[in-house]
Protein backbone atom coordinates (compact mmCIF):
# COMPACT_ATOMS: atom_id res chain seq x y z
CA MET A 1 -7.56 25.65 6.49
CA THR A 2 -10.08 25.42 9.01
CA SER A 3 -9.39 23.81 12.76
CA PHE A 4 -10.89 21.05 14.02
CA ASP A 5 -14.51 22.11 15.68
CA THR A 6 -15.48 20.30 18.78
CA SER A 7 -18.39 21.99 19.66
CA PRO A 8 -21.50 19.32 20.76
CA GLN A 9 -23.95 20.85 18.56
CA LEU A 10 -21.62 20.12 15.81
CA ASN A 11 -20.92 16.58 17.09
CA VAL A 12 -24.16 15.57 17.11
CA TRP A 13 -24.70 16.54 13.67
CA ARG A 14 -21.74 14.47 12.32
CA MET A 15 -22.92 11.50 14.29
CA LEU A 16 -26.64 11.97 12.46
CA LEU A 17 -24.79 12.21 9.06
CA ALA A 18 -22.76 9.34 9.61
CA LEU A 19 -25.45 6.94 10.92
CA ALA A 20 -27.87 8.29 7.68
CA VAL A 21 -24.70 7.27 5.97
CA VAL A 22 -24.50 4.01 6.92
CA PHE A 23 -28.44 3.41 6.43
CA VAL A 24 -27.72 4.08 2.64
CA MET A 25 -24.81 2.12 2.95
CA LEU A 26 -26.74 -1.13 4.31
CA ALA A 27 -29.48 -0.96 2.15
CA THR A 28 -27.12 -0.66 -1.03
CA THR A 29 -24.64 -3.10 0.00
CA GLY A 30 -26.09 -5.62 2.20
CA TRP A 31 -24.03 -7.06 5.65
CA THR A 32 -22.61 -9.51 3.16
CA ALA A 33 -19.71 -7.58 2.44
CA LEU A 34 -18.97 -8.21 6.04
CA ARG A 35 -17.88 -11.65 4.96
CA HIS A 36 -14.06 -11.84 4.34
CA GLN A 37 -12.87 -13.28 0.98
CA ARG A 38 -12.44 -17.12 0.25
CA GLU A 39 -8.69 -17.42 1.16
CA SER A 40 -6.65 -17.43 -2.36
CA THR A 41 -6.82 -21.31 -3.50
CA ALA A 42 -3.80 -21.37 -5.65
CA LEU A 43 -1.59 -19.84 -3.03
CA GLN A 44 -2.57 -21.63 -0.70
CA ALA A 45 -1.51 -24.77 -2.94
CA SER A 46 1.88 -23.45 -3.41
CA LEU A 47 2.23 -23.06 0.30
CA SER A 48 0.86 -26.88 0.91
CA ALA A 49 3.43 -27.92 -1.22
CA TRP A 50 6.28 -26.12 -0.43
CA GLU A 51 5.07 -27.72 3.36
CA HIS A 52 5.53 -30.76 1.76
CA GLY A 53 8.96 -29.81 0.11
CA SER A 54 12.50 -30.69 0.36
CA VAL A 55 15.84 -29.66 -0.93
CA ALA A 56 19.38 -31.35 -0.44
CA GLY A 57 17.51 -33.67 1.67
CA HIS A 58 16.14 -31.36 3.83
CA ARG A 59 12.43 -30.44 4.84
CA LEU A 60 11.97 -26.62 4.12
CA PRO A 61 10.43 -24.20 7.05
CA ASP A 62 7.78 -23.12 7.77
CA PRO A 63 6.96 -20.40 4.94
CA ASP A 64 5.36 -18.35 7.99
CA ALA A 65 8.72 -18.65 10.01
CA SER A 66 10.05 -15.02 11.23
CA PRO A 67 11.58 -13.31 7.93
CA ALA A 68 15.46 -13.27 9.72
CA ARG A 69 14.76 -17.03 9.43
CA LEU A 70 13.99 -17.41 5.98
CA THR A 71 16.84 -15.23 5.06
CA ARG A 72 18.86 -16.79 6.74
CA PHE A 73 17.88 -20.35 5.13
CA PHE A 74 17.93 -18.83 1.51
CA ALA A 75 21.61 -17.41 2.08
CA SER A 76 22.35 -21.45 3.18
CA LEU A 77 20.82 -22.78 -0.54
CA THR A 78 22.99 -22.29 -3.79
CA VAL A 79 21.58 -20.52 -6.81
CA GLN A 80 20.67 -23.42 -8.36
CA GLU A 81 19.08 -24.80 -5.02
CA ARG A 82 16.86 -20.98 -4.99
CA ASP A 83 16.32 -21.46 -8.63
CA GLY A 84 14.42 -24.65 -8.51
CA LEU A 85 12.61 -23.68 -5.55
CA ALA A 86 11.16 -20.51 -7.50
CA ARG A 87 10.62 -22.84 -9.87
CA ARG A 88 8.94 -25.48 -8.08
CA TYR A 89 6.74 -23.18 -5.66
CA PRO A 90 6.32 -20.19 -7.56
CA LEU A 91 3.89 -18.50 -5.88
CA ALA A 92 5.13 -19.62 -2.46
CA VAL A 93 8.50 -17.78 -2.90
CA GLY A 94 7.21 -14.95 -5.00
CA ASN A 95 5.04 -13.92 -1.70
CA MET A 96 7.80 -15.23 0.82
CA ASN A 97 8.57 -12.48 3.36
CA GLY A 98 12.33 -12.98 3.95
CA ALA A 99 13.06 -14.62 0.54
CA PRO A 100 15.58 -12.32 -1.34
CA ALA A 101 13.89 -9.91 -3.27
CA ALA A 102 15.57 -10.62 -7.03
CA LEU A 103 14.29 -14.10 -5.98
CA ARG A 104 10.39 -13.44 -5.79
CA TYR A 105 10.71 -11.52 -8.47
CA LYS A 106 12.12 -14.44 -10.92
CA ALA A 107 9.28 -17.07 -8.71
CA ASN A 108 6.59 -13.81 -9.54
CA ARG A 109 7.73 -14.33 -13.28
CA VAL A 110 6.93 -17.75 -13.37
CA ALA A 111 3.58 -16.97 -11.54
CA LEU A 112 2.59 -14.51 -13.67
CA ALA A 113 3.63 -16.59 -16.89
CA GLN A 114 1.26 -19.55 -15.22
CA ALA A 115 -1.51 -17.15 -14.87
CA ALA A 116 -1.29 -16.07 -18.23
CA HIS A 117 -1.34 -19.34 -19.95
CA THR A 118 -4.77 -20.00 -17.25
CA GLU A 119 -6.46 -17.06 -18.51
CA ARG A 120 -5.59 -17.76 -22.34
CA ALA A 121 -7.38 -21.14 -22.23
CA ARG A 122 -10.25 -19.58 -20.58
CA MET A 123 -10.72 -17.40 -22.90
CA HIS A 124 -11.57 -19.73 -25.52
CA ASP A 125 -13.41 -22.10 -22.61
CA MET A 126 -17.07 -22.56 -23.89
CA ARG A 127 -18.36 -23.21 -20.65
CA LEU A 128 -18.20 -19.59 -19.73
CA SER A 129 -20.26 -16.99 -20.88
CA ARG A 130 -19.05 -14.48 -23.39
CA ALA A 131 -18.43 -11.86 -20.43
CA GLY A 132 -16.24 -14.36 -18.55
CA GLN A 133 -14.58 -15.17 -21.50
CA GLN A 134 -13.96 -11.10 -21.98
CA VAL A 135 -12.80 -11.11 -18.07
CA ALA A 136 -10.17 -13.72 -18.70
CA GLY A 137 -8.90 -12.08 -21.66
CA LYS A 138 -8.56 -8.92 -19.51
CA ARG A 139 -6.77 -10.60 -16.85
CA MET A 140 -4.21 -12.03 -19.45
CA HIS A 141 -3.48 -9.00 -20.97
CA ARG A 142 -2.67 -7.75 -17.72
CA PHE A 143 -0.53 -10.41 -16.34
CA GLU A 144 1.64 -10.42 -19.85
CA SER A 145 2.03 -6.48 -18.78
CA MET A 146 3.21 -7.25 -15.83
CA LEU A 147 5.71 -10.17 -17.70
CA ARG A 148 7.19 -7.02 -19.47
CA ASP A 149 11.01 -6.74 -18.93
CA GLY A 150 12.35 -4.84 -16.11
CA ARG A 151 9.34 -4.74 -14.26
CA GLN A 152 9.91 -5.95 -10.41
CA ILE A 153 7.38 -7.71 -9.06
CA LEU A 154 7.33 -8.58 -5.46
CA ALA A 155 4.16 -10.12 -4.63
CA PHE A 156 1.72 -11.81 -6.81
CA ASP A 157 -1.48 -13.53 -5.91
CA PRO A 158 -4.12 -14.06 -8.79
CA ASP A 159 -6.85 -15.58 -6.91
CA GLY A 160 -10.45 -13.67 -6.68
CA SER A 161 -9.51 -10.19 -7.64
CA GLY A 162 -5.98 -10.31 -6.66
CA ARG A 163 -3.13 -9.08 -4.69
CA ALA A 164 0.23 -7.16 -6.17
CA ALA A 165 3.04 -5.18 -4.99
CA GLU A 166 5.57 -3.95 -7.64
CA VAL A 167 9.58 -2.43 -6.82
CA PHE A 168 11.05 0.82 -8.51
CA GLY A 169 14.19 0.78 -8.12
CA ASP A 170 17.29 -1.77 -6.37
CA LEU A 171 15.45 -2.57 -3.01
CA ASP A 172 18.44 -4.02 -1.52
CA LYS A 173 21.06 -1.14 -2.42
CA ALA A 174 18.37 1.91 -0.95
CA GLN A 175 19.33 4.29 1.04
CA ARG A 176 15.66 5.40 1.50
CA ILE A 177 12.56 3.48 0.94
CA SER A 178 9.20 4.75 0.41
CA VAL A 179 5.96 2.57 0.15
CA ILE A 180 2.74 3.29 -1.20
CA VAL A 181 -0.16 2.09 0.57
CA PRO A 182 -3.81 2.49 -2.25
CA GLY A 183 -7.36 2.47 -1.01
CA VAL A 184 -10.63 1.33 -2.45
CA ASP A 185 -10.57 -0.71 -5.64
CA THR A 186 -7.16 -1.33 -5.70
CA ASP A 187 -6.97 -5.36 -6.94
CA LEU A 188 -4.86 -6.50 -10.25
CA MET A 189 -7.30 -4.90 -12.95
CA THR A 190 -6.71 -1.66 -11.06
CA PHE A 191 -2.72 -1.95 -9.90
CA GLN A 192 -2.05 -0.33 -12.96
CA ARG A 193 -3.70 2.31 -15.46
CA THR A 194 -3.58 4.34 -19.29
CA TYR A 195 -6.12 6.38 -17.72
CA ARG A 196 -5.63 8.45 -15.16
CA LYS A 197 -2.58 6.33 -14.61
CA TYR A 198 -1.28 8.54 -11.45
CA SER A 199 -4.52 7.52 -9.40
CA ALA A 200 -3.37 3.46 -9.57
CA PRO A 201 -0.57 2.20 -7.13
CA ALA A 202 1.75 1.30 -10.46
CA GLY A 203 1.56 5.10 -11.58
CA MET A 204 1.53 6.57 -8.15
CA ALA A 205 5.22 4.42 -7.12
CA GLY A 206 6.59 5.17 -10.47
CA SER A 207 5.71 8.91 -10.50
CA LEU A 208 7.43 9.01 -6.90
CA TYR A 209 10.50 7.31 -7.72
CA ALA A 210 10.42 9.50 -10.62
CA ALA A 211 10.04 12.62 -8.11
CA GLU A 212 12.15 11.29 -5.54
CA ARG A 213 15.22 11.18 -7.52
CA SER A 214 14.91 14.68 -9.05
CA ALA A 215 14.82 15.90 -5.57
CA SER A 216 18.42 14.27 -4.81
CA PRO A 217 20.03 12.90 -7.57
CA SER A 218 22.96 11.15 -5.77
CA THR A 219 20.40 9.43 -2.83
CA ARG A 220 19.49 5.91 -3.77
CA THR A 221 15.92 5.72 -3.65
CA ALA A 222 13.32 2.07 -3.74
CA VAL A 223 9.68 2.77 -4.09
CA ILE A 224 7.16 -0.16 -3.31
CA ALA A 225 3.73 -0.10 -4.70
CA TRP A 226 2.10 -2.06 -2.34
CA ALA A 227 -1.24 -3.47 -3.19
CA ASP A 228 -0.65 -6.63 -1.13
CA TYR A 229 -3.76 -6.48 0.99
CA THR A 230 -8.03 -6.68 0.05
CA ALA A 231 -8.95 -3.45 0.00
CA PRO A 232 -12.58 -2.73 -0.18
CA ALA A 233 -14.86 -3.09 -2.75
CA GLY A 234 -16.11 1.23 -3.61
CA LEU A 235 -17.73 2.96 -0.77
CA GLY A 236 -19.89 0.52 0.81
CA ILE A 237 -19.79 -1.12 4.62
CA ASP A 238 -16.20 -2.36 4.26
CA SER A 239 -14.58 1.57 3.62
CA ALA A 240 -16.63 2.46 6.75
CA THR A 241 -15.24 0.25 9.26
CA ALA A 242 -11.59 -1.18 9.71
CA MET A 243 -11.69 -4.76 9.47
CA ARG A 244 -9.62 -4.74 5.74
CA ALA A 245 -7.69 -2.13 7.52
CA ARG A 246 -6.89 -4.39 10.29
CA ASP A 247 -6.29 -7.43 7.72
CA GLY A 248 -4.17 -5.22 5.70
CA ALA A 249 -2.21 -3.96 9.00
CA VAL A 250 -0.85 -7.19 9.60
CA ARG A 251 0.68 -8.02 6.07
CA LEU A 252 1.83 -4.06 5.95
CA ASN A 253 3.70 -4.69 9.07
CA ALA A 254 5.06 -8.62 7.98
CA LEU A 255 6.30 -6.98 4.63
CA LEU A 256 8.26 -3.98 6.78
CA ARG A 257 10.15 -6.58 8.79
CA ALA A 258 11.38 -8.55 6.05
CA LEU A 259 12.90 -5.49 4.11
CA PRO A 260 16.40 -5.64 3.69
CA GLY A 261 18.78 -3.56 5.20
CA ARG A 262 19.05 -1.19 7.71
CA SER A 263 17.38 2.42 5.32
CA PRO A 264 14.65 4.48 7.18
CA VAL A 265 11.50 3.51 5.21
CA SER A 266 8.29 6.32 4.66
CA LEU A 267 4.75 5.19 4.05
CA PHE A 268 2.70 6.99 1.72
CA CYS A 269 -1.13 6.31 2.43
CA HIS A 270 -3.88 7.32 0.20
CA SER A 271 -7.39 7.42 1.11
CA TYR A 272 -8.25 4.10 2.92
CA GLY A 273 -4.98 2.86 2.45
CA SER A 274 -4.62 5.79 5.26
CA VAL A 275 -7.22 4.22 7.69
CA LEU A 276 -4.70 0.87 7.26
CA CYS A 277 -1.69 2.59 8.39
CA GLY A 278 -3.48 3.71 11.13
CA VAL A 279 -4.02 0.39 12.06
CA ALA A 280 -1.14 -0.68 11.82
CA ALA A 281 1.28 1.86 13.48
CA HIS A 282 1.68 1.03 16.60
CA SER A 283 3.06 -2.52 15.50
CA MET A 284 5.47 -0.86 12.96
CA PRO A 285 9.54 -1.49 13.16
CA GLY A 286 11.11 1.66 14.36
CA ARG A 287 12.67 2.05 10.91
CA VAL A 288 9.94 3.51 9.65
CA SER A 289 10.74 7.24 9.46
CA ASP A 290 7.49 9.20 8.00
CA ILE A 291 4.04 8.12 7.82
CA ALA A 292 2.22 10.77 5.17
CA VAL A 293 -1.58 10.81 4.53
CA ALA A 294 -3.27 12.25 1.74
CA GLY A 295 -7.17 12.29 0.97
CA SER A 296 -7.74 10.68 4.33
CA PRO A 297 -11.14 9.81 6.09
CA GLY A 298 -9.31 9.37 9.64
CA MET A 299 -6.44 6.80 10.74
CA ARG A 300 -8.96 5.52 14.18
CA VAL A 301 -7.13 7.73 16.15
CA THR A 302 -8.76 11.25 17.80
CA LYS A 303 -4.79 12.20 17.71
CA ALA A 304 -1.72 11.86 16.01
CA ALA A 305 0.39 11.16 19.80
CA HIS A 306 -2.29 8.01 20.37
CA LEU A 307 -0.78 6.10 16.63
CA GLY A 308 1.67 4.45 19.21
CA THR A 309 5.02 5.55 16.64
CA SER A 310 7.47 6.86 16.95
CA ALA A 311 7.82 8.61 13.00
CA ARG A 312 6.79 11.68 12.01
CA VAL A 313 3.14 12.10 11.06
CA TRP A 314 2.39 14.18 7.92
CA ALA A 315 -1.08 14.32 6.62
CA MET A 316 -2.45 16.49 3.23
CA ARG A 317 -5.77 17.63 1.73
CA ASP A 318 -6.08 19.28 -1.83
CA ALA A 319 -9.32 21.68 -1.43
CA THR A 320 -11.38 20.56 -3.81
CA ASP A 321 -11.05 17.02 -2.76
CA TRP A 322 -14.33 14.97 -1.53
CA ILE A 323 -13.39 13.29 1.08
CA GLN A 324 -13.16 16.64 3.61
CA ASP A 325 -17.22 16.44 3.21
CA VAL A 326 -17.38 13.08 4.86
CA PRO A 327 -18.19 12.25 8.84
CA TYR A 328 -14.86 12.28 10.53
CA LEU A 329 -16.30 10.50 13.85
CA GLU A 330 -16.34 6.86 14.93
CA PHE A 331 -19.01 5.39 16.24
CA GLY A 332 -20.12 1.81 17.50
CA GLY A 333 -16.94 0.88 14.69
CA LEU A 334 -18.23 2.97 11.67
CA GLY A 335 -16.32 5.81 10.74
CA HIS A 336 -12.82 6.69 11.15
CA GLY A 337 -12.04 9.40 13.84
CA ALA A 338 -10.59 12.72 13.67
CA ASP A 339 -9.85 14.28 10.56
CA PRO A 340 -5.64 14.60 10.30
CA VAL A 341 -5.33 17.77 8.81
CA SER A 342 -7.75 19.65 11.36
CA ALA A 343 -5.22 21.11 14.27
CA ALA A 344 -6.32 19.23 17.16
CA PHE A 345 -4.92 15.94 15.34
CA GLY A 346 -1.36 17.22 15.21
CA ALA A 347 0.27 15.99 12.02
CA ARG A 348 2.57 17.89 10.38
CA VAL A 349 0.32 19.74 7.65
CA LEU A 350 1.54 19.62 4.14
CA SER A 351 0.50 21.37 0.97
CA ALA A 352 -1.09 19.81 -1.59
CA ARG A 353 -1.36 22.59 -4.11
CA ASP A 354 -2.69 21.44 -7.29
CA ALA A 355 -3.36 17.94 -7.08
CA GLN A 356 -7.18 18.68 -8.23
CA GLY A 357 -9.58 16.25 -6.36
CA HIS A 358 -9.16 12.84 -4.51
CA ALA A 359 -7.07 10.75 -6.74
CA GLY A 360 -4.47 13.65 -7.90
CA TYR A 361 -1.88 13.80 -4.83
CA PHE A 362 0.81 12.02 -7.23
CA GLU A 363 0.28 13.93 -10.45
CA PRO A 364 3.36 15.14 -11.62
CA GLY A 365 4.17 19.09 -10.89
CA THR A 366 1.42 19.03 -8.02
CA ASP A 367 2.66 20.44 -4.11
CA SER A 368 1.53 17.14 -3.11
CA LEU A 369 4.36 14.82 -4.79
CA ARG A 370 6.77 17.57 -4.72
CA ASN A 371 6.38 17.06 -0.73
CA PHE A 372 6.24 13.17 -0.82
CA ALA A 373 10.03 13.55 -2.84
CA GLU A 374 11.03 15.52 -0.48
CA ILE A 375 10.30 13.11 2.87
CA GLY A 376 11.37 10.22 0.45
CA VAL A 377 14.74 11.27 0.55
CA GLY A 378 14.79 12.80 3.92
CA ALA A 379 15.21 16.62 3.35
CA TYR A 380 12.16 17.48 5.79
CA ASP A 381 13.15 21.06 5.96
CA SER A 382 12.32 21.48 2.03
CA VAL A 383 8.70 20.49 2.16
CA SER A 384 5.96 23.06 1.53
CA CYS A 385 3.78 23.53 4.56
CA ALA A 386 -0.04 23.99 4.13
CA ASP A 387 0.44 27.41 6.32
CA GLU A 388 2.22 29.88 5.27
CA ASP A 389 4.45 29.82 8.36
CA GLY A 390 5.77 26.72 8.02
CA ALA A 391 4.54 25.05 10.89
CA CYS A 392 4.96 21.49 9.59
CA ARG A 393 8.69 22.09 9.60
CA VAL A 394 8.86 22.85 13.51
CA GLY A 395 12.18 21.11 14.66
CA LEU A 396 13.24 19.39 11.34
CA SER A 397 15.77 22.30 9.85
CA GLY A 398 18.74 20.29 8.96
CA ALA A 399 17.77 17.20 8.26
CA ALA A 400 20.32 14.83 6.77
CA THR A 401 19.78 13.46 3.41
CA PRO A 402 21.99 10.13 2.24
CA GLY A 403 24.38 11.67 -0.56
CA ARG A 404 22.74 15.31 -0.44
CA ALA A 405 24.47 18.10 0.72
């Protein structure tokens, strides 16, 4: 790995390259990419109905109340009352931080069934073009897939390109929780894939969950595929700025504050997801023990110490990952800052051997996945460093792992 070169000449060339890239982006995408997407109408309608609803003769609490307040509210209800709210306000309950995880799964099954029914009707709507009907069919099949037995959908928003989150394992009983934060082009239609399965959020999470169970069979773990933010679409102006990351950081921290129990949480942030994690870091709850980034274009700071978090910061990049060719700088809000695998940044740099490119970090059999799994179960002394002297493990030997000798 090459150390971070801070010579004035190199920085000038990087700045010029960054400006050239920006001009190309503006020419091909236009400034309209800076506009926020419209509010999610179905979700907003469900939330509005909730705000005017009641249970047992009492008004329902503000859906934006603190997770602790909402947790106490749901705990005060009977099983029948909770289930009734999930049926009447499925999108509101299914996306409500503070609602019990099992109730959110149940509510989102209702919401997914309703969304699938809507898309099935649109498939035969003659007012739509043939292409529009085909899109409706693809969305219907995606929703039906997410309805399959055993799937635990923690968040679901069908409007626009859509958002989702899925849990692998028992979130309530987990001794360690891992959250995967993906990058660009993440939406409902790319949430899972058959081809290149482990490049999609659901495939990443399933792969990490299996690797964690293999790394420490007696440790109860849960992994969340978190695609519950509006990610940039492609390599346009959105991906070169922090706008989507700032919006996503608010949503990520809301999730983290609402997670059940007190178990340590590890974040695994891929590509633009690492920008989001960098922006969110200073406001994360103290239970976040690790932030690991892979294929990162930068974390919006010059040093790991500037993230404002007590979490351990890890970074990795495969030798064949094209992200290494982006300009690691920030200028006028464009670009994402220093290279997280550079010596100057100060992260613990991990091996990513065999990852094979930008989308291969969660492929089974790779050093990258094994390292993620060891971090996920808290076995820090077992990680493989990018260098041969084991610098990434300094000060971590003998770290305890629940249920592991």
